PDB file of N, CA and C in Angstrom:
ATOM      1  N   MET A   1       0.827  -1.610   0.491  1.00  0.00           N
ATOM      2  CA  MET A   1      -0.451   0.002   0.181  1.00  0.00           C
ATOM      3  C   MET A   1       0.364   1.762  -0.521  1.00  0.00           C
ATOM      4  N   VAL A   2       0.624   2.111  -1.186  1.00  0.00           N
ATOM      5  CA  VAL A   2       0.884   3.161  -1.404  1.00  0.00           C
ATOM      6  C   VAL A   2       0.886   4.409  -0.132  1.00  0.00           C
ATOM      7  N   GLY A   3      -0.795   4.777  -0.330  1.00  0.00           N
ATOM      8  CA  GLY A   3      -1.153   6.069  -0.143  1.00  0.00           C
ATOM      9  C   GLY A   3      -2.634   6.272  -1.094  1.00  0.00           C
ATOM     10  N   ASP A   4      -3.071   7.104  -1.309  1.00  0.00           N
ATOM     11  CA  ASP A   4      -3.646   7.563  -2.248  1.00  0.00           C
ATOM     12  C   ASP A   4      -2.571   8.381  -2.965  1.00  0.00           C
ATOM     13  N   LEU A   5      -3.137   8.433  -4.655  1.00  0.00           N
ATOM     14  CA  LEU A   5      -2.691   8.998  -5.974  1.00  0.00           C
ATOM     15  C   LEU A   5      -3.069  10.377  -6.145  1.00  0.00           C
ATOM     16  N   PRO A   6      -2.153  11.008  -5.975  1.00  0.00           N
ATOM     17  CA  PRO A   6      -1.883  12.061  -5.775  1.00  0.00           C
ATOM     18  C   PRO A   6      -3.412  13.165  -7.200  1.00  0.00           C
ATOM     19  N   SER A   7      -3.623  14.065  -6.502  1.00  0.00           N
ATOM     20  CA  SER A   7      -4.572  14.311  -7.662  1.00  0.00           C
ATOM     21  C   SER A   7      -4.743  14.542  -9.700  1.00  0.00           C
ATOM     22  N   HIS A   8      -3.270  14.595  -8.874  1.00  0.00           N
ATOM     23  CA  HIS A   8      -2.871  15.379 -10.904  1.00  0.00           C
ATOM     24  C   HIS A   8      -1.902  14.510 -11.382  1.00  0.00           C
ATOM     25  N   LEU A   9      -1.659  13.355 -10.880  1.00  0.00           N
ATOM     26  CA  LEU A   9      -1.866  11.875 -11.975  1.00  0.00           C
ATOM     27  C   LEU A   9      -2.602  11.330 -12.173  1.00  0.00           C
ATOM     28  N   ALA A  10      -3.996  11.861 -10.605  1.00  0.00           N
ATOM     29  CA  ALA A  10      -5.340  10.816 -11.150  1.00  0.00           C
ATOM     30  C   ALA A  10      -5.638  11.306 -12.263  1.00  0.00           C
ATOM     31  N   GLY A  11      -5.364  13.035 -12.997  1.00  0.00           N
ATOM     32  CA  GLY A  11      -6.440  13.476 -14.051  1.00  0.00           C
ATOM     33  C   GLY A  11      -5.160  13.497 -15.341  1.00  0.00           C
ATOM     34  N   LEU A  12      -4.007  13.237 -15.290  1.00  0.00           N
ATOM     35  CA  LEU A  12      -3.846  13.018 -16.071  1.00  0.00           C
ATOM     36  C   LEU A  12      -4.190  11.367 -16.456  1.00  0.00           C
ATOM     37  N   MET A  13      -4.008  10.332 -16.015  1.00  0.00           N
ATOM     38  CA  MET A  13      -4.968   9.131 -16.402  1.00  0.00           C
ATOM     39  C   MET A  13      -5.576   8.753 -16.557  1.00  0.00           C
ATOM     40  N   MET A  14      -6.732  10.015 -16.444  1.00  0.00           N
ATOM     41  CA  MET A  14      -8.396   9.836 -17.226  1.00  0.00           C
ATOM     42  C   MET A  14      -8.679  10.557 -17.776  1.00  0.00           C
ATOM     43  N   THR A  15      -7.326  10.515 -18.416  1.00  0.00           N
ATOM     44  CA  THR A  15      -7.217  11.121 -19.977  1.00  0.00           C
ATOM     45  C   THR A  15      -6.927   9.947 -21.033  1.00  0.00           C
ATOM     46  N   ASN A  16      -6.270   9.392 -20.427  1.00  0.00           N
ATOM     47  CA  ASN A  16      -6.363   7.781 -21.007  1.00  0.00           C
ATOM     48  C   ASN A  16      -7.138   6.623 -21.337  1.00  0.00           C
ATOM     49  N   ILE A  17      -7.878   6.737 -20.101  1.00  0.00           N
ATOM     50  CA  ILE A  17      -8.636   5.803 -19.229  1.00  0.00           C
ATOM     51  C   ILE A  17     -10.334   5.924 -20.390  1.00  0.00           C
ATOM     52  N   ASN A  18     -10.687   7.442 -20.297  1.00  0.00           N
ATOM     53  CA  ASN A  18     -11.444   7.941 -20.993  1.00  0.00           C
ATOM     54  C   ASN A  18     -11.798   7.376 -22.242  1.00  0.00           C
ATOM     55  N   VAL A  19     -10.759   7.429 -23.500  1.00  0.00           N
ATOM     56  CA  VAL A  19     -10.090   7.316 -24.589  1.00  0.00           C
ATOM     57  C   VAL A  19     -10.114   5.709 -24.434  1.00  0.00           C
ATOM     58  N   LEU A  20      -9.640   4.684 -23.595  1.00  0.00           N
ATOM     59  CA  LEU A  20      -9.962   3.516 -23.676  1.00  0.00           C
ATOM     60  C   LEU A  20     -11.699   2.912 -23.535  1.00  0.00           C
ATOM     61  N   THR A  21     -12.532   4.082 -22.024  1.00  0.00           N
ATOM     62  CA  THR A  21     -14.021   2.966 -22.292  1.00  0.00           C
ATOM     63  C   THR A  21     -14.298   3.404 -23.256  1.00  0.00           C
ATOM     64  N   LEU A  22     -14.463   4.742 -24.391  1.00  0.00           N
ATOM     65  CA  LEU A  22     -14.520   4.560 -25.536  1.00  0.00           C
ATOM     66  C   LEU A  22     -14.874   4.453 -26.472  1.00  0.00           C
ATOM     67  N   LYS A  23     -13.381   3.496 -26.500  1.00  0.00           N
ATOM     68  CA  LYS A  23     -12.766   2.406 -27.552  1.00  0.00           C
ATOM     69  C   LYS A  23     -14.100   1.239 -26.549  1.00  0.00           C
ATOM     70  N   ASP A  24     -14.030   1.497 -25.820  1.00  0.00           N
ATOM     71  CA  ASP A  24     -15.537   0.024 -25.432  1.00  0.00           C
ATOM     72  C   ASP A  24     -16.679  -0.237 -25.709  1.00  0.00           C
ATOM     73  N   VAL A  25     -16.995   1.552 -25.745  1.00  0.00           N
ATOM     74  CA  VAL A  25     -18.300   1.902 -26.399  1.00  0.00           C
ATOM     75  C   VAL A  25     -18.605   1.982 -28.183  1.00  0.00           C
ATOM     76  N   ALA A  26     -16.951   1.783 -28.548  1.00  0.00           N
ATOM     77  CA  ALA A  26     -17.310   1.923 -29.775  1.00  0.00           C
ATOM     78  C   ALA A  26     -17.923   0.193 -30.466  1.00  0.00           C
ATOM     79  N   ILE A  27     -16.649  -0.379 -29.400  1.00  0.00           N
ATOM     80  CA  ILE A  27     -16.691  -2.221 -29.494  1.00  0.00           C
ATOM     81  C   ILE A  27     -18.094  -2.765 -29.387  1.00  0.00           C
ATOM     82  N   LEU A  28     -18.548  -1.959 -28.203  1.00  0.00           N
ATOM     83  CA  LEU A  28     -19.931  -2.197 -27.830  1.00  0.00           C
ATOM     84  C   LEU A  28     -21.040  -2.269 -28.615  1.00  0.00           C
ATOM     85  N   THR A  29     -20.534  -0.868 -29.085  1.00  0.00           N
ATOM     86  CA  THR A  29     -22.217  -0.537 -29.657  1.00  0.00           C
ATOM     87  C   THR A  29     -22.477  -0.553 -31.200  1.00  0.00           C
ATOM     88  N   SER A  30     -21.169  -1.519 -31.878  1.00  0.00           N
ATOM     89  CA  SER A  30     -20.725  -1.391 -33.233  1.00  0.00           C
ATOM     90  C   SER A  30     -20.708   0.115 -33.974  1.00  0.00           C
ATOM     91  N   LYS A  31     -20.807   1.469 -33.491  1.00  0.00           N
ATOM     92  CA  LYS A  31     -21.129   2.280 -33.904  1.00  0.00           C
ATOM     93  C   LYS A  31     -19.907   2.956 -34.688  1.00  0.00           C
ATOM     94  N   LYS A  32     -20.057   3.442 -35.993  1.00  0.00           N
ATOM     95  CA  LYS A  32     -18.720   3.713 -36.936  1.00  0.00           C
ATOM     96  C   LYS A  32     -18.734   5.247 -35.890  1.00  0.00           C
ATOM     97  N   ALA A  33     -19.348   6.308 -35.745  1.00  0.00           N
ATOM     98  CA  ALA A  33     -18.630   6.892 -35.318  1.00  0.00           C
ATOM     99  C   ALA A  33     -18.383   7.346 -34.336  1.00  0.00           C
ATOM    100  N   PHE A  34     -18.320   6.433 -33.204  1.00  0.00           N
ATOM    101  CA  PHE A  34     -17.415   5.884 -32.184  1.00  0.00           C
ATOM    102  C   PHE A  34     -16.048   5.812 -32.604  1.00  0.00           C
ATOM    103  N   VAL A  35     -15.560   5.591 -33.386  1.00  0.00           N
ATOM    104  CA  VAL A  35     -14.247   5.155 -34.132  1.00  0.00           C
ATOM    105  C   VAL A  35     -13.818   6.173 -34.213  1.00  0.00           C
ATOM    106  N   TYR A  36     -14.027   7.469 -35.083  1.00  0.00           N
ATOM    107  CA  TYR A  36     -13.723   8.099 -35.253  1.00  0.00           C
ATOM    108  C   TYR A  36     -13.148   9.655 -33.831  1.00  0.00           C
ATOM    109  N   HIS A  37     -14.593   9.014 -32.925  1.00  0.00           N
ATOM    110  CA  HIS A  37     -14.247  10.094 -31.369  1.00  0.00           C
ATOM    111  C   HIS A  37     -13.032   9.467 -31.214  1.00  0.00           C
ATOM    112  N   VAL A  38     -12.674   8.396 -31.349  1.00  0.00           N
ATOM    113  CA  VAL A  38     -11.617   7.261 -30.278  1.00  0.00           C
ATOM    114  C   VAL A  38     -10.464   7.749 -30.903  1.00  0.00           C
ATOM    115  N   GLU A  39     -10.239   8.093 -32.302  1.00  0.00           N
ATOM    116  CA  GLU A  39      -8.999   8.436 -33.118  1.00  0.00           C
ATOM    117  C   GLU A  39      -8.884   9.547 -32.726  1.00  0.00           C
ATOM    118  N   LEU A  40      -9.645  10.063 -32.649  1.00  0.00           N
ATOM    119  CA  LEU A  40     -10.011  11.516 -32.869  1.00  0.00           C
ATOM    120  C   LEU A  40      -9.079  12.326 -31.391  1.00  0.00           C
ATOM    121  N   MET A  41      -9.575  12.136 -29.904  1.00  0.00           N
ATOM    122  CA  MET A  41      -9.627  11.720 -28.583  1.00  0.00           C
ATOM    123  C   MET A  41      -8.056  11.117 -28.719  1.00  0.00           C
ATOM    124  N   GLU A  42      -7.127  10.363 -29.964  1.00  0.00           N
ATOM    125  CA  GLU A  42      -6.207  10.024 -29.088  1.00  0.00           C
ATOM    126  C   GLU A  42      -5.111  10.591 -29.352  1.00  0.00           C
ATOM    127  N   ARG A  43      -5.011  10.785 -28.210  1.00  0.00           N
ATOM    128  CA  ARG A  43      -3.605  11.703 -27.849  1.00  0.00           C
ATOM    129  C   ARG A  43      -1.912  11.748 -29.532  1.00  0.00           C
ATOM    130  N   PHE A  44      -1.695  10.476 -29.076  1.00  0.00           N
ATOM    131  CA  PHE A  44      -0.891   9.989 -30.399  1.00  0.00           C
ATOM    132  C   PHE A  44      -0.676  10.972 -31.482  1.00  0.00           C
ATOM    133  N   THR A  45      -2.041  10.334 -32.658  1.00  0.00           N
ATOM    134  CA  THR A  45      -2.894  10.560 -33.619  1.00  0.00           C
ATOM    135  C   THR A  45      -2.965  12.579 -33.175  1.00  0.00           C
ATOM    136  N   ASP A  46      -3.903  12.559 -32.565  1.00  0.00           N
ATOM    137  CA  ASP A  46      -3.851  14.520 -32.322  1.00  0.00           C
ATOM    138  C   ASP A  46      -2.422  14.951 -32.861  1.00  0.00           C
ATOM    139  N   ALA A  47      -0.534  14.475 -32.342  1.00  0.00           N
ATOM    140  CA  ALA A  47       0.572  14.662 -31.909  1.00  0.00           C
ATOM    141  C   ALA A  47       0.489  15.145 -33.290  1.00  0.00           C
ATOM    142  N   GLU A  48       0.441  14.400 -34.096  1.00  0.00           N
ATOM    143  CA  GLU A  48       1.164  13.812 -35.384  1.00  0.00           C
ATOM    144  C   GLU A  48      -0.241  14.220 -37.178  1.00  0.00           C
ATOM    145  N   LEU A  49      -1.436  14.210 -36.511  1.00  0.00           N
ATOM    146  CA  LEU A  49      -2.452  14.301 -37.843  1.00  0.00           C
ATOM    147  C   LEU A  49      -3.736  15.607 -37.530  1.00  0.00           C
ATOM    148  N   ASN A  50      -3.521  15.762 -38.779  1.00  0.00           N
ATOM    149  CA  ASN A  50      -4.955  16.746 -38.407  1.00  0.00           C
ATOM    150  C   ASN A  50      -6.582  16.901 -38.000  1.00  0.00           C
ATOM    151  N   LEU A  51      -7.689  16.856 -38.461  1.00  0.00           N
ATOM    152  CA  LEU A  51      -9.262  16.553 -38.362  1.00  0.00           C
ATOM    153  C   LEU A  51      -8.704  15.358 -39.804  1.00  0.00           C
ATOM    154  N   ASP A  52      -8.716  16.355 -40.847  1.00  0.00           N
ATOM    155  CA  ASP A  52      -9.011  15.464 -42.215  1.00  0.00           C
ATOM    156  C   ASP A  52      -8.218  14.468 -42.167  1.00  0.00           C
ATOM    157  N   GLN A  53      -6.684  14.498 -41.859  1.00  0.00           N
ATOM    158  CA  GLN A  53      -5.828  13.581 -41.953  1.00  0.00           C
ATOM    159  C   GLN A  53      -6.080  12.238 -40.873  1.00  0.00           C
ATOM    160  N   THR A  54      -6.485  12.140 -40.075  1.00  0.00           N
ATOM    161  CA  THR A  54      -7.376  11.644 -39.606  1.00  0.00           C
ATOM    162  C   THR A  54      -8.552  10.899 -39.372  1.00  0.00           C
ATOM    163  N   TRP A  55      -8.964  11.274 -39.841  1.00  0.00           N
ATOM    164  CA  TRP A  55     -10.315  10.863 -40.779  1.00  0.00           C
ATOM    165  C   TRP A  55     -10.559   9.685 -42.067  1.00  0.00           C
ATOM    166  N   ARG A  56      -9.993  10.946 -42.338  1.00  0.00           N
ATOM    167  CA  ARG A  56      -8.619   9.619 -43.741  1.00  0.00           C
ATOM    168  C   ARG A  56      -8.249   8.263 -43.520  1.00  0.00           C
ATOM    169  N   MET A  57      -7.515   8.366 -42.508  1.00  0.00           N
ATOM    170  CA  MET A  57      -6.775   6.883 -41.804  1.00  0.00           C
ATOM    171  C   MET A  57      -7.750   6.106 -41.151  1.00  0.00           C
ATOM    172  N   VAL A  58      -8.839   6.631 -39.846  1.00  0.00           N
ATOM    173  CA  VAL A  58     -10.094   5.918 -40.040  1.00  0.00           C
ATOM    174  C   VAL A  58     -10.388   4.795 -40.891  1.00  0.00           C
ATOM    175  N   ASP A  59     -10.747   6.493 -42.525  1.00  0.00           N
ATOM    176  CA  ASP A  59     -11.624   5.209 -42.962  1.00  0.00           C
ATOM    177  C   ASP A  59     -10.544   4.513 -43.890  1.00  0.00           C
ATOM    178  N   LYS A  60      -9.676   4.340 -43.910  1.00  0.00           N
ATOM    179  CA  LYS A  60      -8.564   3.079 -44.434  1.00  0.00           C
ATOM    180  C   LYS A  60      -8.110   2.820 -43.278  1.00  0.00           C
ATOM    181  N   LEU A  61      -8.270   2.673 -42.582  1.00  0.00           N
ATOM    182  CA  LEU A  61      -8.146   1.495 -41.597  1.00  0.00           C
ATOM    183  C   LEU A  61      -9.374   0.902 -41.395  1.00  0.00           C
ATOM    184  N   LEU A  62     -10.419   1.338 -41.578  1.00  0.00           N
ATOM    185  CA  LEU A  62     -11.870   0.395 -41.264  1.00  0.00           C
ATOM    186  C   LEU A  62     -12.045  -0.466 -43.222  1.00  0.00           C
ATOM    187  N   GLU A  63     -12.285   0.626 -43.806  1.00  0.00           N
ATOM    188  CA  GLU A  63     -11.578  -0.355 -45.280  1.00  0.00           C
ATOM    189  C   GLU A  63     -10.995  -1.918 -45.244  1.00  0.00           C
ATOM    190  N   GLY A  64      -9.505  -1.596 -44.577  1.00  0.00           N
ATOM    191  CA  GLY A  64      -8.641  -2.631 -44.556  1.00  0.00           C
ATOM    192  C   GLY A  64      -8.800  -3.866 -43.422  1.00  0.00           C
ATOM    193  N   HIS A  65     -10.001  -3.954 -42.787  1.00  0.00           N
ATOM    194  CA  HIS A  65     -10.708  -4.008 -42.020  1.00  0.00           C
ATOM    195  C   HIS A  65     -11.665  -5.425 -41.864  1.00  0.00           C
ATOM    196  N   SER A  66     -12.261  -4.491 -43.358  1.00  0.00           N
ATOM    197  CA  SER A  66     -13.600  -4.657 -43.193  1.00  0.00           C
ATOM    198  C   SER A  66     -14.480  -6.106 -43.005  1.00  0.00           C
ATOM    199  N   SER A  67     -13.311  -6.638 -43.258  1.00  0.00           N
ATOM    200  CA  SER A  67     -13.909  -8.308 -42.926  1.00  0.00           C
ATOM    201  C   SER A  67     -14.555  -8.787 -41.966  1.00  0.00           C
ATOM    202  N   CYS A  68     -13.594  -8.173 -40.517  1.00  0.00           N
ATOM    203  CA  CYS A  68     -13.793  -7.918 -39.463  1.00  0.00           C
ATOM    204  C   CYS A  68     -14.492  -7.640 -38.778  1.00  0.00           C
ATOM    205  N   LEU A  69     -14.915  -6.297 -39.445  1.00  0.00           N
ATOM    206  CA  LEU A  69     -16.453  -5.576 -38.769  1.00  0.00           C
ATOM    207  C   LEU A  69     -17.842  -5.430 -39.533  1.00  0.00           C
ATOM    208  N   SER A  70     -17.550  -5.907 -39.662  1.00  0.00           N
ATOM    209  CA  SER A  70     -19.759  -6.787 -40.672  1.00  0.00           C
ATOM    210  C   SER A  70     -19.993  -5.948 -40.098  1.00  0.00           C
ATOM    211  N   GLU A  71     -20.032  -5.991 -38.849  1.00  0.00           N
ATOM    212  CA  GLU A  71     -21.461  -5.472 -37.736  1.00  0.00           C
ATOM    213  C   GLU A  71     -21.225  -4.282 -37.319  1.00  0.00           C
ATOM    214  N   LEU A  72     -19.918  -2.920 -38.199  1.00  0.00           N
ATOM    215  CA  LEU A  72     -19.733  -1.670 -37.855  1.00  0.00           C
ATOM    216  C   LEU A  72     -21.201  -0.865 -38.558  1.00  0.00           C
ATOM    217  N   ARG A  73     -21.478   0.359 -37.535  1.00  0.00           N
ATOM    218  CA  ARG A  73     -22.710   0.908 -38.575  1.00  0.00           C
ATOM    219  C   ARG A  73     -22.569   1.913 -38.433  1.00  0.00           C
TER     220      ARG A  73
END
């Protein structure tokens, strides 16, 4: 036991946890829009790509994995 997590560290961790939670929602609901939202929130994507580039990247990923994502709507 090391004690309570300092609030500044908990806040930093929550930014990652929120993205992971939205990924779960995207998978469980099969909603295509949520996949875009997840990538737009992903900090590494945001650091490298603008909105249009991110959108196109997700389109290519969804197209490339379409055989696995038949239920995505």
